Amino acid sequence: MASLIYNKFLDYLADNDISDDTFKVALVTSSYTPDKDAHEFFDDVTNEVSGTGYTAGGNTVTGTLTLDNANDKLTLEFASTNWTTATITARGAVYYSSTGTASTSTLIAYNDFGSDVAVTSGTLALAASTVTLQN
């Protein structure tokens, strides 16, 4: 499965100022199949990883929104994050805007790692990720 931007995020972005949102990233297993049309909120995400060093719902990450009028694009860059002393296997990361309630936390993007990433009593480091909308 390729990485993608969920369609609900485009609708959410059009209706909201997201500069003060709390952004989170959760890890999912290879059993999760993202659907950019049908999956709208975090409660639509299945097969979240579980294991030592991982908390359900994922990590909070800083999101920086930048409008570039010269190049006609909007970027949302998420900072890197780590899961330390972890024993988990993940296939991808789901970024979302957290309200504290899964049924109202808007999905933003899915990042497919291309293959499973496993750590045993180690650190799973997730690099910074950028969502770009270009006109």
Protein backbone atom coordinates (compact mmCIF):
# COMPACT_ATOMS: atom_id res chain seq x y z
CA MET A 1 0.00 0.00 0.00
CA ALA A 2 1.31 3.45 -0.85
CA SER A 3 1.44 6.38 1.55
CA LEU A 4 -1.58 8.68 1.28
CA ILE A 5 -3.46 11.73 2.54
CA TYR A 6 -6.94 10.95 3.89
CA ASN A 7 -9.70 12.87 2.09
CA LYS A 8 -11.33 13.88 5.38
CA PHE A 9 -8.21 15.94 6.17
CA LEU A 10 -8.73 18.06 3.05
CA ASP A 11 -12.29 18.77 4.18
CA TYR A 12 -11.10 19.44 7.74
CA LEU A 13 -8.35 21.77 6.51
CA ALA A 14 -10.83 23.78 4.46
CA ASP A 15 -13.06 24.31 7.50
CA ASN A 16 -10.57 24.80 10.35
CA ASP A 17 -7.51 26.68 11.53
CA ILE A 18 -5.23 23.80 12.49
CA SER A 19 -2.34 25.86 13.84
CA ASP A 20 -3.27 25.07 17.47
CA ASP A 21 -4.18 21.40 16.96
CA THR A 22 -2.58 18.57 18.92
CA PHE A 23 -1.02 16.20 16.40
CA LYS A 24 -0.32 12.56 17.10
CA VAL A 25 1.23 9.65 15.26
CA ALA A 26 0.22 6.06 15.88
CA LEU A 27 1.89 2.93 14.56
CA VAL A 28 -0.05 0.18 12.78
CA THR A 29 0.70 -3.37 11.70
CA SER A 30 0.69 -4.78 8.18
CA SER A 31 -2.91 -5.91 8.81
CA TYR A 32 -4.17 -2.32 8.60
CA THR A 33 -5.48 -1.33 5.17
CA PRO A 34 -5.97 2.43 4.94
CA ASP A 35 -8.95 3.75 3.00
CA LYS A 36 -8.52 7.43 2.16
CA ASP A 37 -12.22 7.79 1.38
CA ALA A 38 -13.90 5.77 4.15
CA HIS A 39 -11.46 6.33 7.02
CA GLU A 40 -12.12 9.75 8.53
CA PHE A 41 -11.38 9.58 12.25
CA PHE A 42 -8.93 7.72 14.46
CA ASP A 43 -11.61 5.20 15.49
CA ASP A 44 -11.55 3.98 11.85
CA VAL A 45 -7.93 2.84 12.29
CA THR A 46 -7.53 -0.86 13.03
CA ASN A 47 -4.56 -3.04 13.93
CA GLU A 48 -2.63 -0.47 15.94
CA VAL A 49 0.59 -1.99 17.27
CA SER A 50 0.83 -3.06 20.88
CA GLY A 51 3.80 -4.04 22.94
CA THR A 52 6.37 -2.87 25.44
CA GLY A 53 7.26 0.80 25.13
CA TYR A 54 4.21 1.70 23.04
CA THR A 55 1.11 3.52 24.33
CA ALA A 56 -2.17 3.18 22.45
CA GLY A 57 -2.90 6.31 20.43
CA GLY A 58 0.77 6.89 19.69
CA ASN A 59 3.03 9.85 20.40
CA THR A 60 2.28 13.56 20.31
CA VAL A 61 4.32 15.32 17.62
CA THR A 62 4.88 18.95 16.74
CA GLY A 63 3.27 20.00 13.47
CA THR A 64 4.50 23.08 11.62
CA LEU A 65 2.23 24.58 8.97
CA THR A 66 3.89 26.68 6.25
CA LEU A 67 2.18 28.50 3.38
CA ASP A 68 4.48 29.09 0.41
CA ASN A 69 2.76 31.59 -1.94
CA ALA A 70 5.76 31.75 -4.30
CA ASN A 71 5.47 28.01 -5.05
CA ASP A 72 1.71 27.72 -4.44
CA LYS A 73 1.90 25.06 -1.77
CA LEU A 74 1.02 24.37 1.82
CA THR A 75 3.20 22.05 3.88
CA LEU A 76 2.56 20.43 7.23
CA GLU A 77 5.77 19.04 8.68
CA PHE A 78 5.64 16.64 11.59
CA ALA A 79 8.66 16.42 13.87
CA SER A 80 10.48 13.14 14.41
CA THR A 81 9.60 10.97 17.40
CA ASN A 82 10.88 7.83 19.12
CA TRP A 83 9.55 4.86 20.99
CA THR A 84 12.32 3.83 23.39
CA THR A 85 12.88 0.49 25.12
CA ALA A 86 10.21 -0.83 22.79
CA THR A 87 9.40 -4.31 21.59
CA ILE A 88 7.06 -3.74 18.65
CA THR A 89 6.61 -4.42 14.94
CA ALA A 90 5.09 -1.71 12.74
CA ARG A 91 4.33 -1.41 9.02
CA GLY A 92 3.18 2.19 8.93
CA ALA A 93 2.36 5.40 10.77
CA VAL A 94 -0.99 7.18 10.95
CA TYR A 95 -0.90 10.94 11.61
CA TYR A 96 -4.00 12.58 13.04
CA SER A 97 -5.32 15.68 14.77
CA SER A 98 -6.22 14.54 18.28
CA THR A 99 -9.22 15.89 20.15
CA GLY A 100 -8.78 13.30 22.90
CA THR A 101 -11.71 11.32 21.49
CA ALA A 102 -11.01 8.80 18.71
CA SER A 103 -14.38 9.35 16.99
CA THR A 104 -13.66 13.08 16.47
CA SER A 105 -9.88 12.95 15.85
CA THR A 106 -9.41 13.67 12.14
CA LEU A 107 -7.01 11.45 10.19
CA ILE A 108 -4.35 13.31 8.21
CA ALA A 109 -1.99 10.91 6.49
CA TYR A 110 -0.71 7.35 6.36
CA ASN A 111 3.00 6.67 5.90
CA ASP A 112 3.73 3.15 4.63
CA PHE A 113 7.21 1.96 5.63
CA GLY A 114 7.32 -0.48 2.70
CA SER A 115 8.01 -3.43 4.99
CA ASP A 116 7.70 -4.31 8.65
CA VAL A 117 10.03 -2.51 11.05
CA ALA A 118 10.70 -4.43 14.25
CA VAL A 119 12.59 -3.55 17.41
CA THR A 120 13.24 -5.70 20.47
CA SER A 121 14.12 -3.80 23.64
CA GLY A 122 15.30 -0.96 21.44
CA THR A 123 14.29 2.35 19.91
CA LEU A 124 11.97 2.72 16.95
CA ALA A 125 12.83 6.13 15.51
CA LEU A 126 10.36 7.79 13.18
CA ALA A 127 11.90 10.53 11.01
CA ALA A 128 10.18 13.84 10.37
CA SER A 129 7.43 13.60 7.77
CA THR A 130 5.90 16.24 5.51
CA VAL A 131 2.46 16.50 3.95
CA THR A 132 2.44 18.84 0.94
CA LEU A 133 -0.62 20.24 -0.78
CA GLN A 134 0.25 21.95 -4.06
CA ASN A 135 -1.93 24.03 -6.33
